[in-house]
Amino acid sequence: MKRRTARLIRVFRSPLNPARGRLVGPGLDLPCGLGRAGTTHRKREGDGATPVGRFRALAAYWRPDRLPRPRTALPLVPIRRDLGWSDDPADRRYNRPVPLPSPFGHECMWREDALYDLLLDLSVNRGPIVPGHGSAIFLHSARPGFRPTEGCVAVDRRTVARLVERIGPGTVIEIVGRGMRRIRRTGSGGR
């Protein structure tokens, strides 16, 4: 049976802890970790904040040595040892995948921990890319206790797998800048 893709998933920041939140969508209401600086409307490289806005998942990335090929409607990219992501505003390939080694600052996608075993590349600072306005903003697995990220959204490892199956090219992921609102169960997205 083919599962329908979600149309809308929202991420609400906690009013009590700006580095924590809830991911809410069709059949989902789950805890998540956010950037150590909470959320921001003016994302800057290295600020540790999760950007507020409406984004789409551009692709799913996965570690084929650790996980079977996931089912998804998104483009699927295997993570290799030589895959990096430029986070250096001086690099002409800023906020894009880059081959390693790289002379510019970058995020290494092949990690020893499991945070990037399966992730979604969110469309933050992509149209057009503005150097210094944030890079490598992903939805990925959380550290224990949903500890803060550098600006990404982090959920339980099993949740990432569920989301990869449910999110398609038309899914909007909305990161809400203010605290969690009371959500009507019938209005949590997916229509």
N, C-alpha and C. Protein backbone atom coordinates (compact mmCIF):
# COMPACT_ATOMS: atom_id res chain seq x y z
N MET A 1 0.83 -1.18 0.00
CA MET A 1 0.00 0.00 0.00
C MET A 1 0.88 1.24 0.00
N LYS A 2 0.63 2.15 -0.91
CA LYS A 2 1.42 3.37 -1.02
C LYS A 2 0.94 4.39 0.00
N ARG A 3 1.88 4.93 0.76
CA ARG A 3 1.57 5.93 1.78
C ARG A 3 1.57 7.32 1.15
N ARG A 4 0.57 8.12 1.47
CA ARG A 4 0.51 9.49 0.96
C ARG A 4 1.53 10.36 1.67
N THR A 5 2.08 11.32 0.94
CA THR A 5 3.03 12.23 1.56
C THR A 5 2.27 13.32 2.31
N ALA A 6 2.88 13.77 3.40
CA ALA A 6 2.30 14.85 4.20
C ALA A 6 2.40 16.16 3.43
N ARG A 7 1.43 17.03 3.61
CA ARG A 7 1.47 18.33 2.96
C ARG A 7 2.13 19.38 3.83
N LEU A 8 1.97 19.27 5.15
CA LEU A 8 2.50 20.28 6.06
C LEU A 8 2.97 19.63 7.36
N ILE A 9 4.18 19.98 7.76
CA ILE A 9 4.72 19.58 9.06
C ILE A 9 5.22 20.86 9.72
N ARG A 10 4.83 21.06 10.97
CA ARG A 10 5.24 22.27 11.69
C ARG A 10 6.18 21.91 12.83
N VAL A 11 7.11 22.81 13.07
CA VAL A 11 8.04 22.69 14.19
C VAL A 11 7.80 23.91 15.07
N PHE A 12 7.36 23.66 16.30
CA PHE A 12 7.08 24.73 17.26
C PHE A 12 8.16 24.78 18.31
N ARG A 13 8.68 25.96 18.59
CA ARG A 13 9.67 26.15 19.65
C ARG A 13 8.98 26.14 21.00
N SER A 14 9.61 25.52 21.98
CA SER A 14 9.08 25.48 23.34
C SER A 14 9.16 26.86 23.98
N PRO A 15 8.13 27.29 24.68
CA PRO A 15 8.21 28.58 25.39
C PRO A 15 9.11 28.48 26.64
N LEU A 16 9.40 27.29 27.10
CA LEU A 16 10.21 27.10 28.30
C LEU A 16 11.69 26.89 28.00
N ASN A 17 12.00 26.30 26.85
CA ASN A 17 13.38 26.04 26.47
C ASN A 17 13.50 26.29 24.98
N PRO A 18 14.12 27.40 24.56
CA PRO A 18 14.17 27.74 23.14
C PRO A 18 14.94 26.75 22.27
N ALA A 19 15.72 25.86 22.88
CA ALA A 19 16.45 24.86 22.11
C ALA A 19 15.69 23.54 21.98
N ARG A 20 14.45 23.53 22.44
CA ARG A 20 13.58 22.34 22.33
C ARG A 20 12.29 22.73 21.64
N GLY A 21 11.60 21.73 21.10
CA GLY A 21 10.35 22.01 20.42
C GLY A 21 9.53 20.76 20.20
N ARG A 22 8.49 20.91 19.39
CA ARG A 22 7.61 19.81 19.00
C ARG A 22 7.48 19.83 17.50
N LEU A 23 7.55 18.66 16.90
CA LEU A 23 7.31 18.47 15.48
C LEU A 23 5.90 17.91 15.36
N VAL A 24 5.05 18.61 14.62
CA VAL A 24 3.63 18.27 14.55
C VAL A 24 3.22 18.14 13.08
N GLY A 25 2.57 17.03 12.78
CA GLY A 25 2.07 16.80 11.43
C GLY A 25 1.01 15.71 11.48
N PRO A 26 0.58 15.21 10.33
CA PRO A 26 -0.42 14.16 10.30
C PRO A 26 0.04 12.92 11.07
N GLY A 27 -0.61 12.64 12.18
CA GLY A 27 -0.27 11.49 13.00
C GLY A 27 1.03 11.65 13.78
N LEU A 28 1.55 12.87 13.86
CA LEU A 28 2.82 13.13 14.54
C LEU A 28 2.66 14.27 15.55
N ASP A 29 3.18 14.10 16.72
CA ASP A 29 3.32 15.16 17.72
C ASP A 29 4.46 14.71 18.61
N LEU A 30 5.68 15.10 18.22
CA LEU A 30 6.88 14.51 18.81
C LEU A 30 7.86 15.58 19.27
N PRO A 31 8.68 15.26 20.28
CA PRO A 31 9.69 16.22 20.72
C PRO A 31 10.81 16.34 19.69
N CYS A 32 11.46 17.51 19.69
CA CYS A 32 12.60 17.72 18.81
C CYS A 32 13.59 18.67 19.46
N GLY A 33 14.81 18.59 19.01
CA GLY A 33 15.84 19.53 19.42
C GLY A 33 15.98 20.60 18.36
N LEU A 34 16.31 21.82 18.80
CA LEU A 34 16.54 22.95 17.90
C LEU A 34 17.92 23.52 18.18
N GLY A 35 18.25 24.59 17.49
CA GLY A 35 19.55 25.22 17.67
C GLY A 35 19.77 25.70 19.09
N ARG A 36 21.02 25.72 19.51
CA ARG A 36 21.36 26.11 20.88
C ARG A 36 20.92 27.54 21.19
N ALA A 37 20.75 28.38 20.15
CA ALA A 37 20.30 29.76 20.33
C ALA A 37 18.81 29.91 20.05
N GLY A 38 18.08 28.81 19.98
CA GLY A 38 16.64 28.89 19.71
C GLY A 38 16.36 29.07 18.23
N THR A 39 15.42 29.94 17.91
CA THR A 39 15.04 30.18 16.52
C THR A 39 15.31 31.64 16.16
N THR A 40 15.42 31.90 14.86
CA THR A 40 15.69 33.26 14.41
C THR A 40 15.02 33.53 13.07
N HIS A 41 14.65 34.78 12.86
CA HIS A 41 14.15 35.23 11.56
C HIS A 41 15.29 35.72 10.68
N ARG A 42 16.48 35.90 11.26
CA ARG A 42 17.65 36.43 10.52
C ARG A 42 18.83 35.50 10.70
N LYS A 43 18.81 34.38 10.05
CA LYS A 43 19.85 33.36 10.17
C LYS A 43 21.19 33.88 9.68
N ARG A 44 22.24 33.62 10.47
CA ARG A 44 23.62 33.95 10.12
C ARG A 44 24.49 32.73 10.38
N GLU A 45 25.49 32.55 9.56
CA GLU A 45 26.40 31.41 9.71
C GLU A 45 27.01 31.42 11.11
N GLY A 46 26.92 30.26 11.79
CA GLY A 46 27.54 30.09 13.09
C GLY A 46 26.77 30.65 14.27
N ASP A 47 25.56 31.18 14.05
CA ASP A 47 24.82 31.78 15.17
C ASP A 47 24.15 30.74 16.08
N GLY A 48 24.12 29.46 15.66
CA GLY A 48 23.54 28.41 16.48
C GLY A 48 22.03 28.44 16.57
N ALA A 49 21.38 29.18 15.68
CA ALA A 49 19.92 29.31 15.71
C ALA A 49 19.29 28.52 14.55
N THR A 50 18.09 28.05 14.80
CA THR A 50 17.30 27.38 13.77
C THR A 50 16.49 28.44 13.03
N PRO A 51 16.57 28.48 11.70
CA PRO A 51 15.86 29.53 10.96
C PRO A 51 14.35 29.32 10.94
N VAL A 52 13.62 30.41 11.10
CA VAL A 52 12.17 30.41 11.02
C VAL A 52 11.78 30.54 9.55
N GLY A 53 10.75 29.83 9.14
CA GLY A 53 10.27 29.97 7.77
C GLY A 53 9.60 28.71 7.29
N ARG A 54 9.25 28.73 6.02
CA ARG A 54 8.61 27.60 5.35
C ARG A 54 9.62 27.03 4.36
N PHE A 55 9.92 25.75 4.52
CA PHE A 55 10.96 25.11 3.72
C PHE A 55 10.45 23.81 3.13
N ARG A 56 11.16 23.32 2.14
CA ARG A 56 10.87 22.02 1.55
C ARG A 56 12.11 21.15 1.72
N ALA A 57 11.89 19.86 1.78
CA ALA A 57 13.02 18.93 1.80
C ALA A 57 13.47 18.75 0.35
N LEU A 58 14.74 18.99 0.10
CA LEU A 58 15.26 18.89 -1.25
C LEU A 58 15.72 17.48 -1.59
N ALA A 59 16.22 16.76 -0.57
CA ALA A 59 16.73 15.41 -0.78
C ALA A 59 16.87 14.72 0.57
N ALA A 60 16.96 13.40 0.52
CA ALA A 60 17.29 12.60 1.70
C ALA A 60 18.70 12.05 1.49
N TYR A 61 19.51 12.09 2.53
CA TYR A 61 20.87 11.53 2.50
C TYR A 61 20.91 10.38 3.48
N TRP A 62 21.64 9.29 3.12
CA TRP A 62 21.71 8.14 4.03
C TRP A 62 23.04 7.43 3.93
N ARG A 63 23.40 6.77 5.05
CA ARG A 63 24.64 5.99 5.13
C ARG A 63 24.35 4.56 4.71
N PRO A 64 24.70 4.15 3.49
CA PRO A 64 24.40 2.80 3.03
C PRO A 64 25.15 1.70 3.78
N ASP A 65 26.23 2.06 4.48
CA ASP A 65 26.95 1.05 5.26
C ASP A 65 26.26 0.77 6.59
N ARG A 66 25.32 1.62 6.99
CA ARG A 66 24.62 1.45 8.27
C ARG A 66 23.13 1.18 8.14
N LEU A 67 22.52 1.61 7.05
CA LEU A 67 21.07 1.48 6.89
C LEU A 67 20.72 0.93 5.51
N PRO A 68 19.61 0.18 5.43
CA PRO A 68 19.14 -0.21 4.10
C PRO A 68 18.62 1.03 3.37
N ARG A 69 18.54 0.94 2.07
CA ARG A 69 18.05 2.06 1.26
C ARG A 69 16.63 2.43 1.70
N PRO A 70 16.42 3.68 2.14
CA PRO A 70 15.07 4.06 2.59
C PRO A 70 14.12 4.27 1.42
N ARG A 71 12.84 4.10 1.71
CA ARG A 71 11.81 4.40 0.72
C ARG A 71 11.42 5.85 0.89
N THR A 72 11.43 6.59 -0.22
CA THR A 72 11.09 8.00 -0.17
C THR A 72 10.70 8.49 -1.56
N ALA A 73 9.91 9.56 -1.59
CA ALA A 73 9.56 10.21 -2.86
C ALA A 73 10.58 11.28 -3.22
N LEU A 74 11.55 11.51 -2.33
CA LEU A 74 12.57 12.53 -2.54
C LEU A 74 13.78 11.95 -3.27
N PRO A 75 14.58 12.80 -3.90
CA PRO A 75 15.87 12.31 -4.40
C PRO A 75 16.67 11.74 -3.22
N LEU A 76 17.36 10.66 -3.44
CA LEU A 76 18.08 9.95 -2.39
C LEU A 76 19.57 9.94 -2.72
N VAL A 77 20.39 10.42 -1.78
CA VAL A 77 21.83 10.56 -2.01
C VAL A 77 22.58 9.73 -0.97
N PRO A 78 23.41 8.79 -1.41
CA PRO A 78 24.22 8.04 -0.45
C PRO A 78 25.35 8.92 0.10
N ILE A 79 25.59 8.81 1.40
CA ILE A 79 26.70 9.54 2.04
C ILE A 79 27.95 8.68 1.92
N ARG A 80 28.98 9.27 1.34
CA ARG A 80 30.27 8.61 1.19
C ARG A 80 31.28 9.25 2.14
N ARG A 81 32.40 8.60 2.33
CA ARG A 81 33.45 9.12 3.21
C ARG A 81 33.98 10.48 2.75
N ASP A 82 33.94 10.73 1.46
CA ASP A 82 34.50 11.98 0.92
C ASP A 82 33.45 13.05 0.68
N LEU A 83 32.30 12.95 1.34
CA LEU A 83 31.24 13.94 1.15
C LEU A 83 31.27 14.96 2.29
N GLY A 84 31.34 16.22 1.92
CA GLY A 84 31.28 17.32 2.87
C GLY A 84 30.19 18.29 2.48
N TRP A 85 29.99 19.32 3.31
CA TRP A 85 29.01 20.36 3.02
C TRP A 85 29.67 21.69 3.35
N SER A 86 29.81 22.57 2.38
CA SER A 86 30.52 23.83 2.58
C SER A 86 29.76 24.75 3.53
N ASP A 87 30.45 25.20 4.58
CA ASP A 87 29.87 26.19 5.49
C ASP A 87 30.74 27.44 5.56
N ASP A 88 31.59 27.62 4.55
CA ASP A 88 32.51 28.75 4.49
C ASP A 88 31.97 29.78 3.49
N PRO A 89 31.54 30.97 3.97
CA PRO A 89 31.00 31.97 3.05
C PRO A 89 31.97 32.39 1.94
N ALA A 90 33.27 32.15 2.12
CA ALA A 90 34.25 32.50 1.08
C ALA A 90 34.29 31.46 -0.05
N ASP A 91 33.68 30.31 0.15
CA ASP A 91 33.67 29.24 -0.85
C ASP A 91 32.56 29.49 -1.86
N ARG A 92 32.90 29.42 -3.15
CA ARG A 92 31.86 29.61 -4.19
C ARG A 92 30.81 28.51 -4.14
N ARG A 93 31.11 27.39 -3.45
CA ARG A 93 30.16 26.29 -3.31
C ARG A 93 29.45 26.32 -1.96
N TYR A 94 29.44 27.48 -1.31
CA TYR A 94 28.82 27.64 0.00
C TYR A 94 27.41 27.06 0.03
N ASN A 95 27.11 26.37 1.12
CA ASN A 95 25.80 25.74 1.37
C ASN A 95 25.42 24.71 0.30
N ARG A 96 26.43 23.97 -0.13
CA ARG A 96 26.23 22.87 -1.08
C ARG A 96 27.13 21.71 -0.70
N PRO A 97 26.80 20.51 -1.19
CA PRO A 97 27.71 19.37 -0.99
C PRO A 97 29.03 19.64 -1.70
N VAL A 98 30.13 19.21 -1.08
CA VAL A 98 31.46 19.37 -1.67
C VAL A 98 32.26 18.09 -1.47
N PRO A 99 33.16 17.79 -2.40
CA PRO A 99 34.04 16.64 -2.20
C PRO A 99 35.13 17.00 -1.19
N LEU A 100 35.52 16.01 -0.39
CA LEU A 100 36.59 16.20 0.58
C LEU A 100 37.85 15.50 0.08
N PRO A 101 39.01 16.01 0.38
CA PRO A 101 39.26 17.17 1.23
C PRO A 101 38.90 18.47 0.51
N SER A 102 38.65 19.52 1.30
CA SER A 102 38.31 20.84 0.78
C SER A 102 39.17 21.87 1.50
N PRO A 103 39.66 22.86 0.77
CA PRO A 103 40.46 23.90 1.43
C PRO A 103 39.61 24.88 2.23
N PHE A 104 38.29 24.81 2.07
CA PHE A 104 37.38 25.72 2.77
C PHE A 104 36.73 25.02 3.96
N GLY A 105 36.17 25.81 4.86
CA GLY A 105 35.45 25.25 6.00
C GLY A 105 34.27 24.42 5.52
N HIS A 106 34.03 23.31 6.21
CA HIS A 106 32.96 22.40 5.77
C HIS A 106 32.50 21.52 6.92
N GLU A 107 31.34 20.96 6.74
CA GLU A 107 30.77 19.95 7.62
C GLU A 107 31.09 18.60 6.98
N CYS A 108 31.56 17.67 7.77
CA CYS A 108 31.82 16.32 7.27
C CYS A 108 30.52 15.52 7.40
N MET A 109 30.03 14.98 6.29
CA MET A 109 28.75 14.27 6.31
C MET A 109 28.90 12.84 6.83
N TRP A 110 30.08 12.24 6.69
CA TRP A 110 30.35 10.88 7.18
C TRP A 110 30.79 11.02 8.63
N ARG A 111 29.89 10.78 9.56
CA ARG A 111 30.16 10.99 10.97
C ARG A 111 30.30 9.67 11.72
N GLU A 112 31.08 9.70 12.78
CA GLU A 112 31.23 8.51 13.62
C GLU A 112 29.96 8.27 14.45
N ASP A 113 29.31 9.36 14.90
CA ASP A 113 28.05 9.18 15.61
C ASP A 113 26.96 8.90 14.57
N ALA A 114 25.76 8.67 15.00
CA ALA A 114 24.68 8.29 14.08
C ALA A 114 23.79 9.47 13.67
N LEU A 115 24.19 10.70 13.99
CA LEU A 115 23.31 11.85 13.74
C LEU A 115 22.95 12.01 12.27
N TYR A 116 23.89 11.72 11.36
CA TYR A 116 23.64 11.92 9.94
C TYR A 116 23.45 10.61 9.17
N ASP A 117 23.15 9.54 9.85
CA ASP A 117 22.92 8.27 9.14
C ASP A 117 21.77 8.38 8.14
N LEU A 118 20.79 9.19 8.49
CA LEU A 118 19.65 9.46 7.61
C LEU A 118 19.20 10.88 7.92
N LEU A 119 19.11 11.72 6.90
CA LEU A 119 18.73 13.11 7.14
C LEU A 119 17.99 13.68 5.94
N LEU A 120 17.31 14.78 6.19
CA LEU A 120 16.63 15.53 5.14
C LEU A 120 17.33 16.87 4.99
N ASP A 121 17.66 17.22 3.76
CA ASP A 121 18.26 18.51 3.44
C ASP A 121 17.12 19.51 3.26
N LEU A 122 17.03 20.48 4.17
CA LEU A 122 15.98 21.49 4.08
C LEU A 122 16.44 22.64 3.17
N SER A 123 15.51 23.30 2.54
CA SER A 123 15.81 24.31 1.52
C SER A 123 16.15 25.67 2.12
N VAL A 124 16.86 25.69 3.22
CA VAL A 124 17.24 26.94 3.87
C VAL A 124 18.37 27.60 3.08
N ASN A 125 18.20 28.88 2.77
CA ASN A 125 19.20 29.68 2.05
C ASN A 125 19.59 29.04 0.72
N ARG A 126 18.58 28.70 -0.08
CA ARG A 126 18.85 28.04 -1.35
C ARG A 126 18.39 28.81 -2.58
N GLY A 127 17.56 29.81 -2.45
CA GLY A 127 17.07 30.41 -3.68
C GLY A 127 16.99 31.91 -3.62
N PRO A 128 18.02 32.64 -3.93
CA PRO A 128 19.40 32.21 -4.20
C PRO A 128 20.18 32.02 -2.89
N ILE A 129 21.33 31.37 -2.99
CA ILE A 129 22.20 31.19 -1.83
C ILE A 129 22.90 32.51 -1.54
N VAL A 130 22.81 32.95 -0.29
CA VAL A 130 23.46 34.18 0.14
C VAL A 130 24.58 33.79 1.11
N PRO A 131 25.84 34.03 0.74
CA PRO A 131 26.95 33.67 1.64
C PRO A 131 26.77 34.29 3.03
N GLY A 132 26.95 33.44 4.06
CA GLY A 132 26.85 33.90 5.44
C GLY A 132 25.47 33.82 6.05
N HIS A 133 24.45 33.43 5.26
CA HIS A 133 23.08 33.38 5.76
C HIS A 133 22.63 31.98 6.16
N GLY A 134 23.59 31.12 6.49
CA GLY A 134 23.26 29.79 7.01
C GLY A 134 23.50 28.69 6.00
N SER A 135 24.03 27.58 6.53
CA SER A 135 24.33 26.43 5.67
C SER A 135 24.08 25.14 6.45
N ALA A 136 23.93 24.07 5.71
CA ALA A 136 23.81 22.72 6.29
C ALA A 136 22.70 22.64 7.33
N ILE A 137 21.53 23.16 6.99
CA ILE A 137 20.38 23.06 7.89
C ILE A 137 19.60 21.81 7.50
N PHE A 138 19.66 20.82 8.38
CA PHE A 138 19.07 19.51 8.11
C PHE A 138 18.04 19.15 9.16
N LEU A 139 17.23 18.14 8.85
CA LEU A 139 16.41 17.45 9.83
C LEU A 139 17.12 16.11 10.00
N HIS A 140 17.65 15.86 11.19
CA HIS A 140 18.47 14.67 11.41
C HIS A 140 18.18 14.05 12.77
N SER A 141 18.89 12.97 13.09
CA SER A 141 18.70 12.29 14.38
C SER A 141 19.22 13.15 15.52
N ALA A 142 18.53 13.05 16.65
CA ALA A 142 18.87 13.84 17.84
C ALA A 142 19.91 13.13 18.70
N ARG A 143 20.65 13.93 19.44
CA ARG A 143 21.51 13.41 20.49
C ARG A 143 20.62 13.00 21.66
N PRO A 144 21.11 12.19 22.58
CA PRO A 144 20.31 11.81 23.75
C PRO A 144 19.79 13.05 24.48
N GLY A 145 18.53 13.00 24.86
CA GLY A 145 17.90 14.11 25.58
C GLY A 145 17.57 15.29 24.68
N PHE A 146 17.64 15.10 23.37
CA PHE A 146 17.35 16.16 22.40
C PHE A 146 18.20 17.40 22.68
N ARG A 147 19.48 17.14 22.96
CA ARG A 147 20.40 18.26 23.21
C ARG A 147 20.42 19.19 22.00
N PRO A 148 20.74 20.47 22.23
CA PRO A 148 20.70 21.47 21.15
C PRO A 148 21.60 21.14 19.97
N THR A 149 21.21 21.64 18.81
CA THR A 149 21.95 21.48 17.56
C THR A 149 22.68 22.78 17.25
N GLU A 150 23.34 22.82 16.11
CA GLU A 150 23.98 24.05 15.64
C GLU A 150 23.01 24.89 14.80
N GLY A 151 21.77 24.44 14.67
CA GLY A 151 20.77 25.17 13.89
C GLY A 151 19.80 24.26 13.17
N CYS A 152 20.04 22.96 13.24
CA CYS A 152 19.16 21.98 12.60
C CYS A 152 17.96 21.65 13.48
N VAL A 153 17.06 20.84 12.93
CA VAL A 153 15.96 20.24 13.68
C VAL A 153 16.34 18.78 13.89
N ALA A 154 16.30 18.30 15.13
CA ALA A 154 16.72 16.93 15.43
C ALA A 154 15.60 16.17 16.12
N VAL A 155 15.31 14.99 15.61
CA VAL A 155 14.26 14.14 16.15
C VAL A 155 14.82 12.75 16.43
N ASP A 156 14.04 11.95 17.11
CA ASP A 156 14.41 10.56 17.39
C ASP A 156 14.76 9.85 16.07
N ARG A 157 15.72 8.97 16.12
CA ARG A 157 16.20 8.24 14.93
C ARG A 157 15.06 7.53 14.18
N ARG A 158 14.16 6.90 14.91
CA ARG A 158 13.03 6.21 14.25
C ARG A 158 12.10 7.22 13.57
N THR A 159 11.99 8.40 14.14
CA THR A 159 11.15 9.44 13.55
C THR A 159 11.72 9.91 12.22
N VAL A 160 13.04 10.04 12.12
CA VAL A 160 13.65 10.44 10.85
C VAL A 160 13.24 9.45 9.76
N ALA A 161 13.31 8.16 10.05
CA ALA A 161 12.92 7.15 9.06
C ALA A 161 11.46 7.29 8.66
N ARG A 162 10.58 7.53 9.64
CA ARG A 162 9.16 7.73 9.33
C ARG A 162 8.96 8.96 8.46
N LEU A 163 9.66 10.04 8.78
CA LEU A 163 9.52 11.28 8.02
C LEU A 163 10.03 11.13 6.59
N VAL A 164 11.14 10.45 6.41
CA VAL A 164 11.69 10.25 5.07
C VAL A 164 10.65 9.55 4.19
N GLU A 165 9.90 8.62 4.76
CA GLU A 165 8.85 7.93 4.00
C GLU A 165 7.65 8.84 3.72
N ARG A 166 7.34 9.76 4.62
CA ARG A 166 6.13 10.58 4.52
C ARG A 166 6.33 11.92 3.83
N ILE A 167 7.56 12.40 3.72
CA ILE A 167 7.82 13.71 3.14
C ILE A 167 8.18 13.55 1.67
N GLY A 168 7.52 14.36 0.86
CA GLY A 168 7.80 14.36 -0.58
C GLY A 168 8.17 15.75 -1.04
N PRO A 169 8.39 15.92 -2.32
CA PRO A 169 8.78 17.22 -2.86
C PRO A 169 7.78 18.34 -2.58
N GLY A 170 6.52 18.01 -2.37
CA GLY A 170 5.50 19.02 -2.11
C GLY A 170 5.26 19.32 -0.64
N THR A 171 5.93 18.61 0.25
CA THR A 171 5.73 18.81 1.69
C THR A 171 6.37 20.12 2.14
N VAL A 172 5.63 20.91 2.91
CA VAL A 172 6.16 22.13 3.50
C VAL A 172 6.50 21.84 4.95
N ILE A 173 7.71 22.22 5.35
CA ILE A 173 8.14 22.11 6.74
C ILE A 173 8.24 23.53 7.25
N GLU A 174 7.33 23.87 8.16
CA GLU A 174 7.26 25.24 8.68
C GLU A 174 7.87 25.28 10.08
N ILE A 175 8.91 26.07 10.23
CA ILE A 175 9.53 26.27 11.54
C ILE A 175 8.96 27.57 12.08
N VAL A 176 8.22 27.46 13.18
CA VAL A 176 7.49 28.58 13.76
C VAL A 176 8.39 29.26 14.79
N GLY A 177 8.47 30.58 14.73
CA GLY A 177 9.40 31.32 15.57
C GLY A 177 8.97 31.54 16.99
N ARG A 178 7.70 31.53 17.27
CA ARG A 178 7.24 31.75 18.64
C ARG A 178 6.96 30.43 19.30
N GLY A 179 6.65 30.50 20.59
CA GLY A 179 6.37 29.30 21.37
C GLY A 179 5.23 28.47 20.81
N MET A 180 5.12 27.27 21.32
CA MET A 180 4.09 26.35 20.86
C MET A 180 2.70 26.93 21.11
N ARG A 181 1.86 26.79 20.13
CA ARG A 181 0.48 27.21 20.25
C ARG A 181 -0.37 25.99 20.56
N ARG A 182 -1.52 26.26 21.07
CA ARG A 182 -2.46 25.17 21.27
C ARG A 182 -2.91 24.70 19.89
N ILE A 183 -2.76 23.44 19.63
CA ILE A 183 -3.02 22.90 18.30
C ILE A 183 -4.28 22.05 18.33
N ARG A 184 -5.22 22.40 17.47
CA ARG A 184 -6.40 21.56 17.33
C ARG A 184 -5.99 20.30 16.61
N ARG A 185 -6.37 19.16 17.11
CA ARG A 185 -5.98 17.88 16.50
C ARG A 185 -6.41 17.80 15.04
N THR A 186 -7.50 18.42 14.68
CA THR A 186 -7.96 18.35 13.29
C THR A 186 -7.21 19.32 12.40
N GLY A 187 -6.47 20.28 12.97
CA GLY A 187 -5.81 21.29 12.15
C GLY A 187 -4.30 21.19 12.17
N SER A 188 -3.75 20.03 12.46
CA SER A 188 -2.30 19.91 12.58
C SER A 188 -1.60 19.64 11.26
N GLY A 189 -2.29 19.82 10.16
CA GLY A 189 -1.65 19.65 8.85
C GLY A 189 -2.11 18.39 8.15
N GLY A 190 -1.64 18.22 6.94
CA GLY A 190 -1.93 17.02 6.19
C GLY A 190 -3.14 17.09 5.31
N ARG A 191 -3.84 18.22 5.29
CA ARG A 191 -4.99 18.33 4.41
C ARG A 191 -4.61 18.79 3.04
